[in-house]
């Protein structure tokens, strides 16, 4: 048995014995669906100016921000489909193995895969919200025909319902994440570097409350030395397929 096999086996045993399994996901879980990361080499911020997602800039120049938002989130990312890692997490939820996902991603792929116990820490691209009256709209092509889109109730500018630079994390999402981190006995961290505050505090909180931390990342992250019990230096799909096979093949024996 290789060292990788041993790590998979150990992680699978932690997961099988868990009473409250939570997954914490970042951009790395969606890369294999064709969704690029924002930061780093080849990231979106090497191609686009991040100021288009600064809340002050957006409020002042919505007609400049909105075309870029549509290009990135509704044309480019909108074509992405859930990959094996998303689908396995959805399977685990249906089997009552996985209790909750906390995701930093706004790409909706966990939702599309079938997960419903999701805390969308940074919001999502499914909805638009009026900056004035707070009315929420489901995104559709008609709504995006006129740029910038406006609220039918008060004619104010609509904004995608995810966190822009300069905005706070939604109170409910933050609270739900803290509760899940405190409650879990096993946390599986997938594809997050640990560089984004305050989301990067979640694994530390889980660890401090006694949880085992399994990390899936092709490269060492900020979490690896600090909180990780089992590190799987693999792509998200590769690791999740191996874990799923280890959990359910051994269960059938």
Protein backbone atom coordinates (compact mmCIF):
# COMPACT_ATOMS: atom_id res chain seq x y z
CA UNK A 1 0.00 0.00 0.00
CA UNK A 2 1.41 3.38 -1.02
CA UNK A 3 1.50 6.43 1.21
CA UNK A 4 -1.32 7.92 -0.91
CA UNK A 5 -3.42 4.77 -0.41
CA UNK A 6 -2.84 4.96 3.34
CA UNK A 7 -3.94 8.59 3.43
CA UNK A 8 -7.08 7.81 1.45
CA UNK A 9 -7.88 4.91 3.77
CA UNK A 10 -7.35 7.04 6.89
CA UNK A 11 -9.47 9.90 5.52
CA UNK A 12 -12.23 7.47 4.48
CA UNK A 13 -12.30 5.98 7.99
CA UNK A 14 -12.62 9.46 9.52
CA UNK A 15 -15.51 10.24 7.16
CA UNK A 16 -17.33 6.93 7.75
CA UNK A 17 -17.13 7.31 11.52
CA UNK A 18 -18.19 10.96 11.51
CA UNK A 19 -21.39 12.06 13.18
CA UNK A 20 -21.46 15.51 11.59
CA UNK A 21 -19.42 15.79 8.39
CA UNK A 22 -19.03 19.24 6.84
CA UNK A 23 -17.25 20.19 3.62
CA UNK A 24 -15.56 23.55 3.12
CA UNK A 25 -14.89 24.31 -0.54
CA UNK A 26 -13.05 26.92 -2.55
CA UNK A 27 -12.16 27.67 -6.15
CA UNK A 28 -10.15 24.45 -6.53
CA UNK A 29 -13.28 22.28 -6.51
CA UNK A 30 -14.58 24.07 -9.63
CA UNK A 31 -11.37 24.42 -11.64
CA UNK A 32 -12.00 21.05 -13.29
CA UNK A 33 -15.40 22.35 -14.41
CA UNK A 34 -13.61 25.08 -16.33
CA UNK A 35 -14.11 27.80 -13.73
CA UNK A 36 -10.80 29.65 -13.30
CA UNK A 37 -9.60 30.95 -9.99
CA UNK A 38 -9.64 34.71 -9.47
CA UNK A 39 -6.14 34.93 -8.05
CA UNK A 40 -2.79 33.55 -9.12
CA UNK A 41 -1.31 32.64 -12.47
CA UNK A 42 -3.99 32.59 -15.16
CA UNK A 43 -6.58 33.88 -12.69
CA UNK A 44 -9.40 36.16 -13.77
CA UNK A 45 -7.78 39.20 -12.21
CA UNK A 46 -4.91 38.85 -14.69
CA UNK A 47 -7.49 39.39 -17.46
CA UNK A 48 -9.95 41.80 -15.87
CA UNK A 49 -9.66 44.80 -13.58
CA UNK A 50 -10.98 43.74 -10.14
CA UNK A 51 -12.36 47.24 -9.54
CA UNK A 52 -15.49 46.24 -11.51
CA UNK A 53 -16.45 44.25 -8.40
CA UNK A 54 -15.65 47.02 -5.94
CA UNK A 55 -18.98 48.08 -4.45
CA UNK A 56 -18.20 51.82 -4.54
CA UNK A 57 -17.11 51.64 -8.17
CA UNK A 58 -20.17 49.54 -9.07
CA UNK A 59 -22.58 52.00 -7.47
CA UNK A 60 -20.92 54.91 -9.24
CA UNK A 61 -20.40 53.22 -12.64
CA UNK A 62 -22.87 50.32 -12.98
CA UNK A 63 -22.91 50.72 -16.75
CA UNK A 64 -19.15 49.93 -16.79
CA UNK A 65 -19.24 47.07 -14.28
CA UNK A 66 -22.27 45.22 -15.62
CA UNK A 67 -20.91 44.24 -19.09
CA UNK A 68 -17.84 42.67 -17.43
CA UNK A 69 -20.02 40.93 -14.84
CA UNK A 70 -22.17 39.43 -17.58
CA UNK A 71 -19.12 38.30 -19.53
CA UNK A 72 -17.46 36.62 -16.54
CA UNK A 73 -20.35 35.21 -14.55
CA UNK A 74 -23.23 34.67 -16.98
CA UNK A 75 -21.51 33.90 -20.28
CA UNK A 76 -18.18 32.36 -19.31
CA UNK A 77 -18.89 30.72 -15.92
CA UNK A 78 -22.51 30.13 -16.85
CA UNK A 79 -21.43 27.32 -19.18
CA UNK A 80 -19.74 25.33 -16.40
CA UNK A 81 -21.23 22.03 -15.24
CA UNK A 82 -20.72 20.15 -11.96
CA UNK A 83 -17.78 17.75 -11.99
CA UNK A 84 -17.29 14.44 -10.17
CA UNK A 85 -16.29 16.17 -6.92
CA UNK A 86 -19.54 18.20 -6.85
CA UNK A 87 -21.61 15.12 -7.73
CA UNK A 88 -20.03 12.96 -5.02
CA UNK A 89 -20.70 15.63 -2.39
CA UNK A 90 -24.33 15.69 -3.54
CA UNK A 91 -24.44 11.88 -3.30
CA UNK A 92 -23.05 12.00 0.23
CA UNK A 93 -25.70 14.51 1.25
CA UNK A 94 -28.49 12.31 -0.16
CA UNK A 95 -27.08 9.37 1.80
CA UNK A 96 -27.05 11.57 4.95
CA UNK A 97 -23.29 11.21 5.24
CA UNK A 98 -22.56 14.89 4.51
CA UNK A 99 -24.52 17.28 6.71
CA UNK A 100 -23.52 20.64 5.21
CA UNK A 101 -21.34 22.40 2.67
CA UNK A 102 -19.79 25.78 3.34
CA UNK A 103 -18.60 27.16 0.02
CA UNK A 104 -16.71 30.29 -0.89
CA UNK A 105 -17.72 29.78 -4.52
CA UNK A 106 -20.49 31.76 -6.19
CA UNK A 107 -20.74 29.53 -9.28
CA UNK A 108 -23.86 27.58 -8.15
CA UNK A 109 -22.24 24.24 -9.03
CA UNK A 110 -22.93 22.60 -5.66
CA UNK A 111 -26.58 23.59 -6.05
CA UNK A 112 -26.72 22.31 -9.63
CA UNK A 113 -25.14 19.01 -8.54
CA UNK A 114 -27.99 18.47 -6.09
CA UNK A 115 -26.76 19.72 -2.73
CA UNK A 116 -29.27 21.73 -0.74
CA UNK A 117 -27.66 22.04 2.69
CA UNK A 118 -25.32 24.74 1.43
CA UNK A 119 -23.99 27.85 3.12
CA UNK A 120 -22.97 30.19 0.30
CA UNK A 121 -20.44 32.24 2.23
CA UNK A 122 -19.94 34.79 -0.54
CA UNK A 123 -23.43 34.58 -2.06
CA UNK A 124 -24.33 33.28 -5.53
CA UNK A 125 -24.96 34.34 -9.11
CA UNK A 126 -28.51 32.88 -9.26
CA UNK A 127 -30.11 36.00 -7.85
CA UNK A 128 -29.97 39.76 -8.30
CA UNK A 129 -30.86 42.16 -5.51
CA UNK A 130 -32.05 45.76 -5.63
CA UNK A 131 -29.60 48.11 -3.96
CA UNK A 132 -32.44 50.37 -2.86
CA UNK A 133 -35.44 48.29 -1.77
CA UNK A 134 -33.80 44.87 -1.40
CA UNK A 135 -36.15 43.05 -3.77
CA UNK A 136 -34.63 39.77 -5.00
CA UNK A 137 -34.89 38.53 -8.59
CA UNK A 138 -34.02 35.18 -10.15
CA UNK A 139 -31.61 35.76 -13.01
CA UNK A 140 -32.98 35.19 -16.51
CA UNK A 141 -32.08 36.38 -20.00
CA UNK A 142 -34.88 38.93 -20.10
CA UNK A 143 -33.69 40.55 -16.89
CA UNK A 144 -30.21 41.01 -18.39
CA UNK A 145 -31.40 42.45 -21.71
CA UNK A 146 -31.10 46.04 -20.45
CA UNK A 147 -27.78 47.01 -18.92
CA UNK A 148 -27.65 47.90 -16.13
CA UNK A 149 -30.74 45.92 -15.04
CA UNK A 150 -33.20 47.83 -12.88
CA UNK A 151 -35.74 46.99 -10.20
CA UNK A 152 -39.32 46.84 -11.48
CA UNK A 153 -40.54 48.20 -8.14
CA UNK A 154 -38.32 51.26 -7.68
CA UNK A 155 -36.17 51.46 -10.84
CA UNK A 156 -32.93 51.30 -8.85
CA UNK A 157 -29.88 49.36 -10.01
CA UNK A 158 -29.80 45.60 -9.50
CA UNK A 159 -26.63 43.92 -8.28
CA UNK A 160 -25.64 40.23 -8.36
CA UNK A 161 -26.35 38.72 -4.95
CA UNK A 162 -22.74 37.94 -4.08
CA UNK A 163 -20.23 39.78 -1.96
CA UNK A 164 -18.35 42.57 -3.72
CA UNK A 165 -15.08 44.07 -2.52
CA UNK A 166 -15.95 46.48 0.26
CA UNK A 167 -19.05 44.55 1.37
CA UNK A 168 -19.46 42.50 4.53
CA UNK A 169 -20.21 38.78 4.58
CA UNK A 170 -23.99 38.29 4.94
CA UNK A 171 -24.83 37.88 8.63
CA UNK A 172 -26.83 34.67 8.17
CA UNK A 173 -24.13 32.99 6.04
CA UNK A 174 -21.45 33.95 8.53
CA UNK A 175 -23.49 32.70 11.49
CA UNK A 176 -24.43 29.42 9.78
CA UNK A 177 -20.77 28.80 8.86
CA UNK A 178 -19.59 29.38 12.42
CA UNK A 179 -22.25 27.03 13.79
CA UNK A 180 -21.36 24.30 11.28
CA UNK A 181 -17.64 24.64 12.01
CA UNK A 182 -18.28 24.37 15.74
CA UNK A 183 -20.61 21.38 15.33
CA UNK A 184 -18.67 19.23 12.87
CA UNK A 185 -16.46 16.36 13.98
CA UNK A 186 -14.87 15.99 10.54
CA UNK A 187 -14.22 18.83 8.09
CA UNK A 188 -13.17 18.06 4.53
CA UNK A 189 -11.46 21.09 3.00
CA UNK A 190 -11.40 21.07 -0.81
CA UNK A 191 -9.55 23.46 -3.09
CA UNK A 192 -9.10 26.52 -0.92
CA UNK A 193 -5.77 28.23 -0.31
CA UNK A 194 -6.67 29.79 3.01
CA UNK A 195 -5.79 33.30 1.83
CA UNK A 196 -9.26 34.89 1.86
CA UNK A 197 -10.48 36.45 5.11
CA UNK A 198 -12.66 35.75 7.02
CA UNK A 199 -13.52 32.43 5.33
CA UNK A 200 -10.05 31.08 6.09
CA UNK A 201 -10.90 31.06 9.81
CA UNK A 202 -13.46 28.25 9.38
CA UNK A 203 -11.01 25.29 9.32
CA UNK A 204 -9.18 26.74 12.32
CA UNK A 205 -12.44 27.06 14.22
CA UNK A 206 -13.41 23.48 13.39
CA UNK A 207 -9.98 22.22 14.48
CA UNK A 208 -10.14 24.17 17.74
CA UNK A 209 -13.49 22.52 18.45
CA UNK A 210 -12.01 19.05 18.09
CA UNK A 211 -12.77 18.22 14.43
CA UNK A 212 -10.53 16.09 12.25
CA UNK A 213 -9.51 18.09 9.17
CA UNK A 214 -9.02 16.40 5.79
CA UNK A 215 -7.54 18.64 3.10
CA UNK A 216 -7.67 18.07 -0.66
CA UNK A 217 -5.34 20.41 -2.54
CA UNK A 218 -2.80 19.88 -5.34
CA UNK A 219 -0.42 22.15 -3.42
CA UNK A 220 0.25 22.95 0.21
CA UNK A 221 -2.02 25.74 1.48
CA UNK A 222 -2.18 28.03 4.48
CA UNK A 223 -4.23 25.30 6.21
CA UNK A 224 -1.87 22.37 5.63
CA UNK A 225 0.60 22.85 8.45
CA UNK A 226 -1.79 24.73 10.72
CA UNK A 227 -4.85 22.49 11.00
CA UNK A 228 -4.77 19.56 8.54
CA UNK A 229 -4.78 16.00 9.89
CA UNK A 230 -4.80 14.21 6.53
CA UNK A 231 -3.44 15.98 3.47
CA UNK A 232 -4.36 14.61 0.03
CA UNK A 233 -2.18 16.40 -2.57
CA UNK A 234 -4.54 15.61 -5.43
CA UNK A 235 -7.05 17.20 -7.76
CA UNK A 236 -10.54 17.47 -6.29
CA UNK A 237 -12.14 14.93 -8.63
CA UNK A 238 -9.33 12.42 -8.24
CA UNK A 239 -9.42 12.56 -4.44
CA UNK A 240 -13.20 12.52 -4.13
CA UNK A 241 -13.54 9.51 -6.45
CA UNK A 242 -10.91 7.66 -4.40
CA UNK A 243 -12.61 8.55 -1.12
CA UNK A 244 -16.05 7.59 -2.41
CA UNK A 245 -14.75 4.21 -3.57
CA UNK A 246 -12.95 3.62 -0.25
CA UNK A 247 -16.05 4.50 1.77
CA UNK A 248 -18.66 2.57 -0.17
CA UNK A 249 -16.63 -0.42 -1.38
CA UNK A 250 -15.57 -1.19 2.18
CA UNK A 251 -19.15 -0.62 3.38
CA UNK A 252 -20.34 -3.30 0.99
CA UNK A 253 -17.80 -5.85 2.17
